[in-house]
Amino acid sequence: MIDALRSPCVMCSELPCIDACEPGVLRHELPVTMAHASIDREACLPWQGHACTLCVDHCPVEGAMSMVEEDGRTGPVIEPGTCTGCGVCVSVCPAPRNAVRHRPVEERPFAAL
């Protein structure tokens, strides 16, 4: 089982976890989405005027996170269609109250063996 909150997935390019796991549990043909993540702007240091880019800098999925400017403030945003919910952003967030909301995907599509 991948528990991204305990040990985030680093999204290895070949996804060796699929072949190492019990047959049928993880599948190459299923979407690589473990959770839904979003930024809590009230807890996020950059959205509150402090310097921080750790989540964007460490994100292993190209295009899943970026820094944007809105209303004179700059902070990270997560692209829900690209983010896999790997949990790396959760693990590197230095905010006193973690600024990443991370909700595991409740239902996964089933692919018959």
Protein backbone atom coordinates (compact mmCIF):
# COMPACT_ATOMS: atom_id res chain seq x y z
CA MET A 1 0.00 0.00 0.00
CA ILE A 2 1.24 3.46 -0.84
CA ASP A 3 0.70 5.81 2.08
CA ALA A 4 1.79 9.15 0.63
CA LEU A 5 1.39 10.92 3.97
CA ARG A 6 3.80 8.58 5.74
CA SER A 7 6.26 8.09 2.91
CA PRO A 8 5.53 10.09 -0.23
CA CYS A 9 5.83 8.53 -3.64
CA VAL A 10 8.67 10.12 -5.61
CA MET A 11 7.13 9.14 -8.95
CA CYS A 12 10.02 7.08 -10.35
CA SER A 13 10.00 7.23 -14.13
CA GLU A 14 9.54 3.48 -14.64
CA LEU A 15 7.08 3.04 -11.72
CA PRO A 16 8.91 -0.06 -10.39
CA CYS A 17 6.43 -0.29 -7.50
CA ILE A 18 3.83 -1.64 -9.94
CA ASP A 19 5.95 -4.67 -10.83
CA ALA A 20 7.16 -5.16 -7.25
CA CYS A 21 3.66 -5.12 -5.76
CA GLU A 22 1.29 -8.05 -5.42
CA PRO A 23 -0.13 -8.85 -8.89
CA GLY A 24 -3.19 -6.82 -9.82
CA VAL A 25 -2.98 -4.31 -6.96
CA LEU A 26 -1.20 -1.62 -8.96
CA ARG A 27 -1.64 -1.61 -12.72
CA HIS A 28 0.16 0.24 -15.51
CA GLU A 29 -3.15 0.85 -17.31
CA LEU A 30 -4.78 2.60 -14.33
CA PRO A 31 -4.36 6.36 -13.79
CA VAL A 32 -1.46 7.22 -11.49
CA THR A 33 -3.57 9.18 -9.02
CA MET A 34 -3.29 8.43 -5.32
CA ALA A 35 -5.00 11.48 -3.86
CA HIS A 36 -6.37 14.93 -4.51
CA ALA A 37 -4.25 17.80 -3.22
CA SER A 38 -4.93 21.51 -2.84
CA ILE A 39 -3.32 24.46 -1.11
CA ASP A 40 -4.81 25.97 2.05
CA ARG A 41 -3.96 29.61 1.36
CA GLU A 42 -4.62 30.61 4.96
CA ALA A 43 -1.86 28.27 6.15
CA CYS A 44 0.52 28.65 3.17
CA LEU A 45 3.57 30.80 3.94
CA PRO A 46 3.90 32.46 0.51
CA TRP A 47 0.19 33.28 0.35
CA GLN A 48 0.68 34.97 3.73
CA GLY A 49 3.62 37.06 2.48
CA HIS A 50 6.58 34.85 3.49
CA ALA A 51 9.19 33.44 1.13
CA CYS A 52 8.83 29.73 0.38
CA THR A 53 8.80 27.60 -2.78
CA LEU A 54 9.60 24.18 -1.31
CA CYS A 55 6.49 22.41 -2.57
CA VAL A 56 6.96 23.68 -6.12
CA ASP A 57 10.71 23.01 -6.06
CA HIS A 58 10.31 19.41 -4.86
CA CYS A 59 7.26 18.37 -6.89
CA PRO A 60 8.28 15.32 -8.99
CA VAL A 61 5.43 15.74 -11.51
CA GLU A 62 6.11 18.30 -14.21
CA GLY A 63 3.32 20.85 -14.44
CA ALA A 64 1.52 19.72 -11.28
CA MET A 65 2.50 22.81 -9.26
CA SER A 66 3.39 26.38 -10.08
CA MET A 67 3.69 29.77 -8.48
CA VAL A 68 1.06 32.29 -9.51
CA GLU A 69 0.34 35.89 -8.66
CA GLU A 70 -3.14 36.92 -7.60
CA ASP A 71 -4.27 40.14 -5.97
CA GLY A 72 -0.67 41.26 -5.44
CA ARG A 73 0.33 38.04 -3.67
CA THR A 74 2.30 35.12 -5.08
CA GLY A 75 1.89 31.52 -3.98
CA PRO A 76 1.70 27.92 -5.13
CA VAL A 77 -1.23 26.34 -6.88
CA ILE A 78 -1.80 22.70 -7.72
CA GLU A 79 -3.06 21.66 -11.14
CA PRO A 80 -5.66 18.99 -10.28
CA GLY A 81 -5.56 17.38 -13.73
CA THR A 82 -1.80 16.83 -13.50
CA CYS A 83 -1.19 16.22 -9.78
CA THR A 84 -0.92 12.54 -8.81
CA GLY A 85 -1.35 13.09 -5.06
CA CYS A 86 2.11 11.64 -4.42
CA GLY A 87 2.43 13.54 -1.12
CA VAL A 88 5.87 15.10 -1.70
CA CYS A 89 4.42 18.60 -1.21
CA VAL A 90 2.89 17.50 2.09
CA SER A 91 6.21 16.14 3.32
CA VAL A 92 8.23 19.31 2.54
CA CYS A 93 5.74 21.96 3.67
CA PRO A 94 7.35 23.95 6.53
CA ALA A 95 4.22 25.87 7.53
CA PRO A 96 3.24 25.59 11.22
CA ARG A 97 -0.06 24.06 10.05
CA ASN A 98 0.62 22.04 6.89
CA ALA A 99 -0.72 24.04 3.96
CA VAL A 100 -1.41 21.08 1.68
CA ARG A 101 -4.81 19.43 1.88
CA HIS A 102 -4.33 15.82 0.83
CA ARG A 103 -7.36 13.57 0.39
CA PRO A 104 -6.80 9.98 -0.77
CA VAL A 105 -8.77 8.89 -3.79
CA GLU A 106 -11.66 6.93 -2.34
CA GLU A 107 -12.51 4.85 -5.35
CA ARG A 108 -10.08 3.53 -7.90
CA PRO A 109 -11.10 2.23 -11.29
CA PHE A 110 -10.95 -1.55 -11.49
CA ALA A 111 -9.14 -3.25 -14.33
CA ALA A 112 -9.79 -6.97 -14.63
CA LEU A 113 -6.76 -9.22 -14.53
